[in-house]
Amino acid sequence: MEDMNRGIITALGSIGLAQAAKIWTYYRQTGEWDVKQLAATGGMPSSHSAGVASIASYIAANKGSRHTETALAVVFGVIVMYDAQGIRRHTGEIAKLVNELEDSFSKISKDFPSLEFVEREKELKELLGHQPLEVLGGAILGGILGVWSAKIEH
């Protein structure tokens, strides 16, 4: 394990821990345990945010906040987190509207036999992005894990 890149291990470990935490947060919301949350997109905490925050905080703890590598990791992380709670979340909201529209067309087409409407077999995936709190949760988790990883390395 010593030959492996500690930053990569830290980021991937943070992503894995965040994905595993989704099982618990899903249970808290629904009262049901669902192991499929390990591979789910969206939800609390954001694993994307955890991954980029952990690598940024790991680099900052090792190199200092004024280092170019820290700046690159932070800027990359901010872009990823912005995308997770912005574009990806809005795409999921549009998918939900499209699914609802298709359901409405399906109901209407039963009243009008001449209207040829073919339903898709599978609905669009609606949970793609994150709410800002989910992104923050991932960022806090990743930040803590990144600093911790740097501290135990030395």
N, C-alpha and C. Protein backbone atom coordinates (compact mmCIF):
# COMPACT_ATOMS: atom_id res chain seq x y z
N MET A 1 0.81 -1.20 0.00
CA MET A 1 0.00 0.00 0.00
C MET A 1 0.86 1.26 0.00
N GLU A 2 2.09 1.15 0.45
CA GLU A 2 2.95 2.34 0.51
C GLU A 2 3.30 2.85 -0.88
N ASP A 3 3.28 1.98 -1.89
CA ASP A 3 3.63 2.39 -3.25
C ASP A 3 2.48 3.13 -3.94
N MET A 4 1.30 3.03 -3.40
CA MET A 4 0.14 3.67 -4.03
C MET A 4 0.09 5.15 -3.68
N ASN A 5 -0.53 5.92 -4.55
CA ASN A 5 -0.70 7.36 -4.35
C ASN A 5 -1.71 7.60 -3.24
N ARG A 6 -1.25 8.19 -2.16
CA ARG A 6 -2.10 8.42 -0.98
C ARG A 6 -3.29 9.34 -1.30
N GLY A 7 -3.09 10.32 -2.18
CA GLY A 7 -4.18 11.21 -2.56
C GLY A 7 -5.30 10.47 -3.27
N ILE A 8 -4.93 9.56 -4.16
CA ILE A 8 -5.95 8.77 -4.87
C ILE A 8 -6.69 7.87 -3.90
N ILE A 9 -5.95 7.22 -3.02
CA ILE A 9 -6.58 6.35 -2.02
C ILE A 9 -7.54 7.16 -1.15
N THR A 10 -7.12 8.36 -0.76
CA THR A 10 -7.96 9.22 0.07
C THR A 10 -9.24 9.60 -0.66
N ALA A 11 -9.12 10.04 -1.92
CA ALA A 11 -10.30 10.45 -2.69
C ALA A 11 -11.25 9.29 -2.93
N LEU A 12 -10.71 8.15 -3.37
CA LEU A 12 -11.57 6.98 -3.63
C LEU A 12 -12.20 6.45 -2.34
N GLY A 13 -11.44 6.49 -1.26
CA GLY A 13 -12.00 6.08 0.03
C GLY A 13 -13.14 6.99 0.47
N SER A 14 -12.98 8.29 0.24
CA SER A 14 -14.03 9.26 0.58
C SER A 14 -15.28 9.02 -0.25
N ILE A 15 -15.07 8.76 -1.54
CA ILE A 15 -16.21 8.47 -2.42
C ILE A 15 -16.94 7.22 -1.94
N GLY A 16 -16.18 6.18 -1.63
CA GLY A 16 -16.79 4.93 -1.15
C GLY A 16 -17.54 5.10 0.16
N LEU A 17 -16.94 5.85 1.08
CA LEU A 17 -17.60 6.10 2.37
C LEU A 17 -18.88 6.91 2.19
N ALA A 18 -18.83 7.91 1.31
CA ALA A 18 -20.02 8.72 1.05
C ALA A 18 -21.13 7.86 0.43
N GLN A 19 -20.76 6.99 -0.50
CA GLN A 19 -21.77 6.11 -1.12
C GLN A 19 -22.37 5.19 -0.07
N ALA A 20 -21.53 4.64 0.80
CA ALA A 20 -22.03 3.76 1.86
C ALA A 20 -22.94 4.52 2.82
N ALA A 21 -22.60 5.78 3.10
CA ALA A 21 -23.43 6.60 4.00
C ALA A 21 -24.83 6.83 3.42
N LYS A 22 -24.96 6.76 2.11
CA LYS A 22 -26.28 6.95 1.49
C LYS A 22 -27.27 5.87 1.91
N ILE A 23 -26.77 4.68 2.24
CA ILE A 23 -27.65 3.62 2.72
C ILE A 23 -28.31 4.07 4.02
N TRP A 24 -27.51 4.64 4.92
CA TRP A 24 -28.02 5.10 6.21
C TRP A 24 -28.94 6.31 6.04
N THR A 25 -28.53 7.29 5.22
CA THR A 25 -29.38 8.48 5.06
C THR A 25 -30.69 8.12 4.36
N TYR A 26 -30.65 7.15 3.45
CA TYR A 26 -31.87 6.69 2.80
C TYR A 26 -32.79 6.04 3.84
N TYR A 27 -32.21 5.25 4.72
CA TYR A 27 -32.99 4.62 5.79
C TYR A 27 -33.63 5.67 6.70
N ARG A 28 -32.87 6.71 7.03
CA ARG A 28 -33.41 7.79 7.88
C ARG A 28 -34.58 8.49 7.22
N GLN A 29 -34.55 8.61 5.89
CA GLN A 29 -35.63 9.30 5.17
C GLN A 29 -36.84 8.41 4.94
N THR A 30 -36.61 7.12 4.67
CA THR A 30 -37.71 6.25 4.24
C THR A 30 -38.08 5.16 5.24
N GLY A 31 -37.17 4.85 6.16
CA GLY A 31 -37.41 3.74 7.08
C GLY A 31 -37.08 2.40 6.45
N GLU A 32 -36.48 2.39 5.25
CA GLU A 32 -36.14 1.15 4.55
C GLU A 32 -34.64 1.10 4.28
N TRP A 33 -34.05 -0.07 4.52
CA TRP A 33 -32.65 -0.28 4.17
C TRP A 33 -32.59 -0.66 2.70
N ASP A 34 -31.72 0.00 1.94
CA ASP A 34 -31.61 -0.28 0.51
C ASP A 34 -30.14 -0.26 0.10
N VAL A 35 -29.57 -1.45 -0.10
CA VAL A 35 -28.17 -1.59 -0.46
C VAL A 35 -27.89 -1.01 -1.84
N LYS A 36 -28.92 -0.88 -2.68
CA LYS A 36 -28.74 -0.31 -4.01
C LYS A 36 -28.28 1.15 -3.95
N GLN A 37 -28.41 1.77 -2.79
CA GLN A 37 -27.95 3.15 -2.63
C GLN A 37 -26.44 3.26 -2.79
N LEU A 38 -25.73 2.13 -2.66
CA LEU A 38 -24.28 2.13 -2.88
C LEU A 38 -23.91 2.61 -4.28
N ALA A 39 -24.80 2.38 -5.24
CA ALA A 39 -24.53 2.76 -6.63
C ALA A 39 -25.44 3.89 -7.10
N ALA A 40 -26.16 4.52 -6.19
CA ALA A 40 -27.14 5.54 -6.57
C ALA A 40 -26.47 6.88 -6.84
N THR A 41 -27.06 7.61 -7.80
CA THR A 41 -26.64 9.00 -8.00
C THR A 41 -27.55 9.88 -7.16
N GLY A 42 -27.08 11.06 -6.83
CA GLY A 42 -27.88 11.95 -5.99
C GLY A 42 -27.89 11.45 -4.56
N GLY A 43 -28.58 12.16 -3.71
CA GLY A 43 -28.71 11.75 -2.32
C GLY A 43 -27.64 12.34 -1.41
N MET A 44 -27.79 12.06 -0.12
CA MET A 44 -26.93 12.63 0.92
C MET A 44 -25.98 11.57 1.43
N PRO A 45 -24.70 11.85 1.51
CA PRO A 45 -23.97 13.02 1.03
C PRO A 45 -23.52 12.82 -0.41
N SER A 46 -23.14 13.90 -1.05
CA SER A 46 -22.63 13.83 -2.42
C SER A 46 -21.25 13.19 -2.42
N SER A 47 -21.13 12.06 -3.13
CA SER A 47 -19.82 11.39 -3.18
C SER A 47 -18.85 12.16 -4.08
N HIS A 48 -19.39 12.84 -5.10
CA HIS A 48 -18.51 13.67 -5.93
C HIS A 48 -17.86 14.76 -5.07
N SER A 49 -18.68 15.41 -4.26
CA SER A 49 -18.17 16.46 -3.38
C SER A 49 -17.18 15.91 -2.37
N ALA A 50 -17.49 14.74 -1.83
CA ALA A 50 -16.58 14.12 -0.86
C ALA A 50 -15.23 13.83 -1.50
N GLY A 51 -15.25 13.31 -2.72
CA GLY A 51 -14.01 12.97 -3.41
C GLY A 51 -13.14 14.19 -3.70
N VAL A 52 -13.74 15.23 -4.28
CA VAL A 52 -12.93 16.40 -4.64
C VAL A 52 -12.53 17.20 -3.40
N ALA A 53 -13.38 17.23 -2.39
CA ALA A 53 -13.01 17.96 -1.16
C ALA A 53 -11.90 17.22 -0.42
N SER A 54 -11.93 15.90 -0.45
CA SER A 54 -10.88 15.14 0.25
C SER A 54 -9.53 15.32 -0.43
N ILE A 55 -9.49 15.32 -1.76
CA ILE A 55 -8.21 15.48 -2.43
C ILE A 55 -7.70 16.91 -2.26
N ALA A 56 -8.59 17.89 -2.30
CA ALA A 56 -8.17 19.29 -2.11
C ALA A 56 -7.65 19.52 -0.70
N SER A 57 -8.34 18.98 0.30
CA SER A 57 -7.89 19.19 1.69
C SER A 57 -6.63 18.38 1.98
N TYR A 58 -6.51 17.21 1.36
CA TYR A 58 -5.30 16.40 1.51
C TYR A 58 -4.09 17.15 0.95
N ILE A 59 -4.24 17.70 -0.25
CA ILE A 59 -3.14 18.45 -0.87
C ILE A 59 -2.82 19.70 -0.05
N ALA A 60 -3.86 20.41 0.38
CA ALA A 60 -3.64 21.62 1.18
C ALA A 60 -2.91 21.30 2.49
N ALA A 61 -3.28 20.20 3.12
CA ALA A 61 -2.63 19.82 4.38
C ALA A 61 -1.16 19.44 4.16
N ASN A 62 -0.86 18.88 3.00
CA ASN A 62 0.51 18.48 2.70
C ASN A 62 1.36 19.58 2.09
N LYS A 63 0.79 20.38 1.20
CA LYS A 63 1.56 21.37 0.44
C LYS A 63 1.36 22.80 0.92
N GLY A 64 0.26 23.04 1.60
CA GLY A 64 -0.06 24.39 2.04
C GLY A 64 -1.09 25.03 1.10
N SER A 65 -1.78 26.01 1.62
CA SER A 65 -2.87 26.62 0.86
C SER A 65 -2.39 27.50 -0.28
N ARG A 66 -1.12 27.88 -0.29
CA ARG A 66 -0.60 28.77 -1.33
C ARG A 66 0.01 28.01 -2.51
N HIS A 67 0.02 26.70 -2.46
CA HIS A 67 0.64 25.89 -3.50
C HIS A 67 -0.28 25.76 -4.72
N THR A 68 0.33 25.71 -5.90
CA THR A 68 -0.43 25.61 -7.15
C THR A 68 -1.30 24.35 -7.20
N GLU A 69 -0.80 23.23 -6.69
CA GLU A 69 -1.58 21.99 -6.69
C GLU A 69 -2.85 22.16 -5.85
N THR A 70 -2.75 22.88 -4.74
CA THR A 70 -3.93 23.15 -3.91
C THR A 70 -4.93 23.98 -4.69
N ALA A 71 -4.44 25.01 -5.38
CA ALA A 71 -5.34 25.87 -6.17
C ALA A 71 -6.06 25.06 -7.24
N LEU A 72 -5.33 24.21 -7.93
CA LEU A 72 -5.94 23.38 -8.98
C LEU A 72 -7.02 22.46 -8.39
N ALA A 73 -6.71 21.82 -7.28
CA ALA A 73 -7.66 20.91 -6.66
C ALA A 73 -8.90 21.65 -6.17
N VAL A 74 -8.73 22.83 -5.59
CA VAL A 74 -9.87 23.60 -5.08
C VAL A 74 -10.75 24.08 -6.23
N VAL A 75 -10.14 24.62 -7.28
CA VAL A 75 -10.93 25.11 -8.42
C VAL A 75 -11.67 23.95 -9.09
N PHE A 76 -10.99 22.84 -9.30
CA PHE A 76 -11.63 21.65 -9.86
C PHE A 76 -12.79 21.20 -8.97
N GLY A 77 -12.56 21.20 -7.68
CA GLY A 77 -13.60 20.78 -6.73
C GLY A 77 -14.81 21.68 -6.76
N VAL A 78 -14.59 22.99 -6.81
CA VAL A 78 -15.71 23.94 -6.86
C VAL A 78 -16.53 23.72 -8.13
N ILE A 79 -15.85 23.48 -9.26
CA ILE A 79 -16.57 23.23 -10.52
C ILE A 79 -17.41 21.96 -10.41
N VAL A 80 -16.84 20.90 -9.86
CA VAL A 80 -17.57 19.64 -9.71
C VAL A 80 -18.78 19.81 -8.79
N MET A 81 -18.59 20.51 -7.67
CA MET A 81 -19.70 20.70 -6.72
C MET A 81 -20.78 21.61 -7.30
N TYR A 82 -20.37 22.63 -8.02
CA TYR A 82 -21.36 23.51 -8.66
C TYR A 82 -22.18 22.72 -9.68
N ASP A 83 -21.51 21.90 -10.47
CA ASP A 83 -22.19 21.08 -11.46
C ASP A 83 -23.16 20.09 -10.79
N ALA A 84 -22.73 19.49 -9.69
CA ALA A 84 -23.56 18.50 -9.00
C ALA A 84 -24.87 19.10 -8.50
N GLN A 85 -24.81 20.32 -7.97
CA GLN A 85 -26.03 20.91 -7.41
C GLN A 85 -26.72 21.84 -8.39
N GLY A 86 -26.13 22.05 -9.54
CA GLY A 86 -26.73 22.94 -10.54
C GLY A 86 -27.24 22.17 -11.73
N ILE A 87 -26.38 21.98 -12.69
CA ILE A 87 -26.78 21.37 -13.96
C ILE A 87 -27.34 19.97 -13.79
N ARG A 88 -26.64 19.12 -13.03
CA ARG A 88 -27.13 17.74 -12.87
C ARG A 88 -28.47 17.71 -12.14
N ARG A 89 -28.64 18.55 -11.14
CA ARG A 89 -29.91 18.57 -10.40
C ARG A 89 -31.04 19.04 -11.31
N HIS A 90 -30.78 20.08 -12.11
CA HIS A 90 -31.82 20.59 -13.02
C HIS A 90 -32.16 19.57 -14.10
N THR A 91 -31.18 18.81 -14.55
CA THR A 91 -31.44 17.75 -15.52
C THR A 91 -32.39 16.72 -14.92
N GLY A 92 -32.19 16.39 -13.66
CA GLY A 92 -33.09 15.45 -12.98
C GLY A 92 -34.49 16.01 -12.84
N GLU A 93 -34.61 17.32 -12.58
CA GLU A 93 -35.93 17.94 -12.47
C GLU A 93 -36.65 17.94 -13.83
N ILE A 94 -35.90 18.17 -14.90
CA ILE A 94 -36.49 18.12 -16.25
C ILE A 94 -36.94 16.69 -16.56
N ALA A 95 -36.13 15.70 -16.18
CA ALA A 95 -36.51 14.30 -16.40
C ALA A 95 -37.81 13.97 -15.69
N LYS A 96 -37.99 14.50 -14.50
CA LYS A 96 -39.22 14.27 -13.75
C LYS A 96 -40.43 14.85 -14.49
N LEU A 97 -40.28 16.06 -15.03
CA LEU A 97 -41.36 16.68 -15.79
C LEU A 97 -41.68 15.88 -17.06
N VAL A 98 -40.65 15.40 -17.74
CA VAL A 98 -40.85 14.60 -18.95
C VAL A 98 -41.59 13.31 -18.61
N ASN A 99 -41.21 12.67 -17.50
CA ASN A 99 -41.89 11.45 -17.07
C ASN A 99 -43.36 11.72 -16.76
N GLU A 100 -43.64 12.84 -16.09
CA GLU A 100 -45.02 13.21 -15.77
C GLU A 100 -45.82 13.50 -17.04
N LEU A 101 -45.18 14.18 -17.99
CA LEU A 101 -45.83 14.48 -19.27
C LEU A 101 -46.16 13.19 -20.01
N GLU A 102 -45.23 12.24 -20.01
CA GLU A 102 -45.48 10.97 -20.67
C GLU A 102 -46.65 10.23 -20.00
N ASP A 103 -46.73 10.28 -18.68
CA ASP A 103 -47.85 9.65 -17.98
C ASP A 103 -49.17 10.29 -18.38
N SER A 104 -49.17 11.61 -18.53
CA SER A 104 -50.39 12.32 -18.95
C SER A 104 -50.79 11.92 -20.37
N PHE A 105 -49.81 11.85 -21.26
CA PHE A 105 -50.10 11.43 -22.64
C PHE A 105 -50.65 10.02 -22.67
N SER A 106 -50.12 9.17 -21.83
CA SER A 106 -50.58 7.79 -21.76
C SER A 106 -52.05 7.73 -21.37
N LYS A 107 -52.45 8.52 -20.38
CA LYS A 107 -53.84 8.55 -19.93
C LYS A 107 -54.75 9.13 -21.01
N ILE A 108 -54.30 10.20 -21.66
CA ILE A 108 -55.11 10.84 -22.71
C ILE A 108 -55.28 9.91 -23.89
N SER A 109 -54.23 9.20 -24.26
CA SER A 109 -54.29 8.33 -25.45
C SER A 109 -55.33 7.22 -25.30
N LYS A 110 -55.65 6.85 -24.06
CA LYS A 110 -56.67 5.81 -23.85
C LYS A 110 -58.06 6.34 -24.23
N ASP A 111 -58.27 7.66 -24.09
CA ASP A 111 -59.55 8.27 -24.44
C ASP A 111 -59.66 8.58 -25.93
N PHE A 112 -58.52 8.63 -26.61
CA PHE A 112 -58.49 8.95 -28.04
C PHE A 112 -57.72 7.86 -28.79
N PRO A 113 -58.44 6.82 -29.22
CA PRO A 113 -57.76 5.69 -29.88
C PRO A 113 -56.98 6.09 -31.14
N SER A 114 -57.39 7.18 -31.80
CA SER A 114 -56.68 7.58 -33.02
C SER A 114 -55.31 8.20 -32.70
N LEU A 115 -55.12 8.58 -31.45
CA LEU A 115 -53.83 9.13 -31.04
C LEU A 115 -52.87 7.97 -30.78
N GLU A 116 -51.89 7.86 -31.63
CA GLU A 116 -50.94 6.76 -31.50
C GLU A 116 -49.79 7.18 -30.59
N PHE A 117 -49.81 6.67 -29.40
CA PHE A 117 -48.78 7.01 -28.43
C PHE A 117 -48.15 5.72 -27.92
N VAL A 118 -46.84 5.62 -28.04
CA VAL A 118 -46.13 4.43 -27.58
C VAL A 118 -45.31 4.82 -26.36
N GLU A 119 -45.63 4.17 -25.25
CA GLU A 119 -44.91 4.45 -24.01
C GLU A 119 -43.52 3.84 -24.04
N ARG A 120 -42.57 4.55 -23.45
CA ARG A 120 -41.24 3.97 -23.28
C ARG A 120 -41.32 2.90 -22.20
N GLU A 121 -40.46 1.92 -22.32
CA GLU A 121 -40.45 0.85 -21.33
C GLU A 121 -39.86 1.31 -20.01
N LYS A 122 -38.99 2.29 -20.08
CA LYS A 122 -38.26 2.73 -18.89
C LYS A 122 -38.36 4.24 -18.77
N GLU A 123 -38.67 4.73 -17.58
CA GLU A 123 -38.73 6.18 -17.35
C GLU A 123 -37.32 6.75 -17.27
N LEU A 124 -37.22 8.05 -17.51
CA LEU A 124 -35.95 8.75 -17.36
C LEU A 124 -35.56 8.78 -15.89
N LYS A 125 -34.28 8.69 -15.63
CA LYS A 125 -33.77 8.73 -14.26
C LYS A 125 -33.93 10.15 -13.72
N GLU A 126 -34.58 10.28 -12.57
CA GLU A 126 -34.90 11.60 -12.02
C GLU A 126 -33.90 12.09 -10.98
N LEU A 127 -33.28 11.18 -10.25
CA LEU A 127 -32.37 11.60 -9.19
C LEU A 127 -30.94 11.59 -9.73
N LEU A 128 -30.54 12.72 -10.29
CA LEU A 128 -29.21 12.82 -10.91
C LEU A 128 -28.26 13.69 -10.10
N GLY A 129 -28.73 14.82 -9.67
CA GLY A 129 -27.87 15.78 -8.98
C GLY A 129 -28.14 15.83 -7.50
N HIS A 130 -27.73 16.93 -6.90
CA HIS A 130 -27.82 17.07 -5.45
C HIS A 130 -28.42 18.40 -5.05
N GLN A 131 -29.07 18.39 -3.91
CA GLN A 131 -29.47 19.62 -3.26
C GLN A 131 -28.21 20.25 -2.65
N PRO A 132 -28.20 21.56 -2.48
CA PRO A 132 -27.01 22.21 -1.90
C PRO A 132 -26.56 21.60 -0.57
N LEU A 133 -27.50 21.20 0.28
CA LEU A 133 -27.14 20.59 1.57
C LEU A 133 -26.41 19.26 1.38
N GLU A 134 -26.79 18.50 0.36
CA GLU A 134 -26.12 17.22 0.07
C GLU A 134 -24.69 17.45 -0.40
N VAL A 135 -24.50 18.50 -1.20
CA VAL A 135 -23.15 18.87 -1.66
C VAL A 135 -22.31 19.31 -0.46
N LEU A 136 -22.90 20.13 0.41
CA LEU A 136 -22.19 20.58 1.61
C LEU A 136 -21.82 19.40 2.49
N GLY A 137 -22.74 18.46 2.66
CA GLY A 137 -22.46 17.27 3.48
C GLY A 137 -21.29 16.48 2.92
N GLY A 138 -21.25 16.30 1.60
CA GLY A 138 -20.12 15.60 0.98
C GLY A 138 -18.82 16.36 1.13
N ALA A 139 -18.90 17.68 0.99
CA ALA A 139 -17.70 18.51 1.11
C ALA A 139 -17.13 18.46 2.52
N ILE A 140 -17.99 18.49 3.52
CA ILE A 140 -17.54 18.42 4.93
C ILE A 140 -16.91 17.05 5.19
N LEU A 141 -17.60 15.98 4.77
CA LEU A 141 -17.07 14.63 4.95
C LEU A 141 -15.70 14.50 4.27
N GLY A 142 -15.62 14.92 3.01
CA GLY A 142 -14.36 14.82 2.28
C GLY A 142 -13.26 15.68 2.88
N GLY A 143 -13.60 16.88 3.31
CA GLY A 143 -12.60 17.76 3.92
C GLY A 143 -12.00 17.15 5.17
N ILE A 144 -12.84 16.59 5.99
CA ILE A 144 -12.37 15.95 7.22
C ILE A 144 -11.49 14.74 6.89
N LEU A 145 -11.92 13.92 5.96
CA LEU A 145 -11.15 12.73 5.61
C LEU A 145 -9.82 13.08 4.95
N GLY A 146 -9.81 14.14 4.13
CA GLY A 146 -8.56 14.56 3.49
C GLY A 146 -7.52 15.02 4.49
N VAL A 147 -7.93 15.85 5.43
CA VAL A 147 -7.01 16.34 6.46
C VAL A 147 -6.55 15.18 7.34
N TRP A 148 -7.47 14.32 7.72
CA TRP A 148 -7.14 13.16 8.55
C TRP A 148 -6.12 12.26 7.84
N SER A 149 -6.33 12.01 6.55
CA SER A 149 -5.40 11.17 5.79
C SER A 149 -4.01 11.78 5.74
N ALA A 150 -3.93 13.09 5.56
CA ALA A 150 -2.64 13.76 5.54
C ALA A 150 -1.95 13.69 6.90
N LYS A 151 -2.73 13.81 7.97
CA LYS A 151 -2.16 13.81 9.32
C LYS A 151 -1.62 12.42 9.69
N ILE A 152 -2.33 11.36 9.33
CA ILE A 152 -1.86 10.02 9.70
C ILE A 152 -0.71 9.56 8.81
N GLU A 153 -0.53 10.24 7.67
CA GLU A 153 0.57 9.87 6.77
C GLU A 153 1.91 10.30 7.35
N HIS A 154 1.91 11.37 8.11
CA HIS A 154 3.18 11.93 8.62
C HIS A 154 3.45 11.54 10.04
